[in-house]
């Protein structure tokens, strides 16, 4: 019977597929701009993420400066990635490279440190409390 109704209203099925949003899309994204000055003390942030929620910390750096990021967390499945604005390729993937990053920035511009939980923890709606330390030096 359902098949007969769907065949009578293919537009309804298409609309349901197009306008349905996956459950993870409703999860919040915390966004924060971090002001880093080369040579100054590292900037620390503390936060929590739960499930598929993420936190994004955006900073500005110059080519050749060294960015360092270190994560301390109570959740083994909590990691961070680093992206350069306007670039497809991710600079750092925490789940494969660990909880600390230190490298020279490839170009002037904005960089985003994104906190997340791996899918195994996110789907269980786990909570991660973390401390993130970020610094720049020439």
Foldseek 3Di string as FASTA:
>chain_A
DVVVVCVVCVVVVVCCVVPDDDPLVPAEEAEEEDEADAPDFWDKDKDKDWAFYKYKYKYWDAAFKKKKKAKDKPDPQKEKWKDFPPDPDTPDDCVVVHGMDIDGDHHTGMMMIMIGGPNVRNVVGHMMIMMMIMHIHD
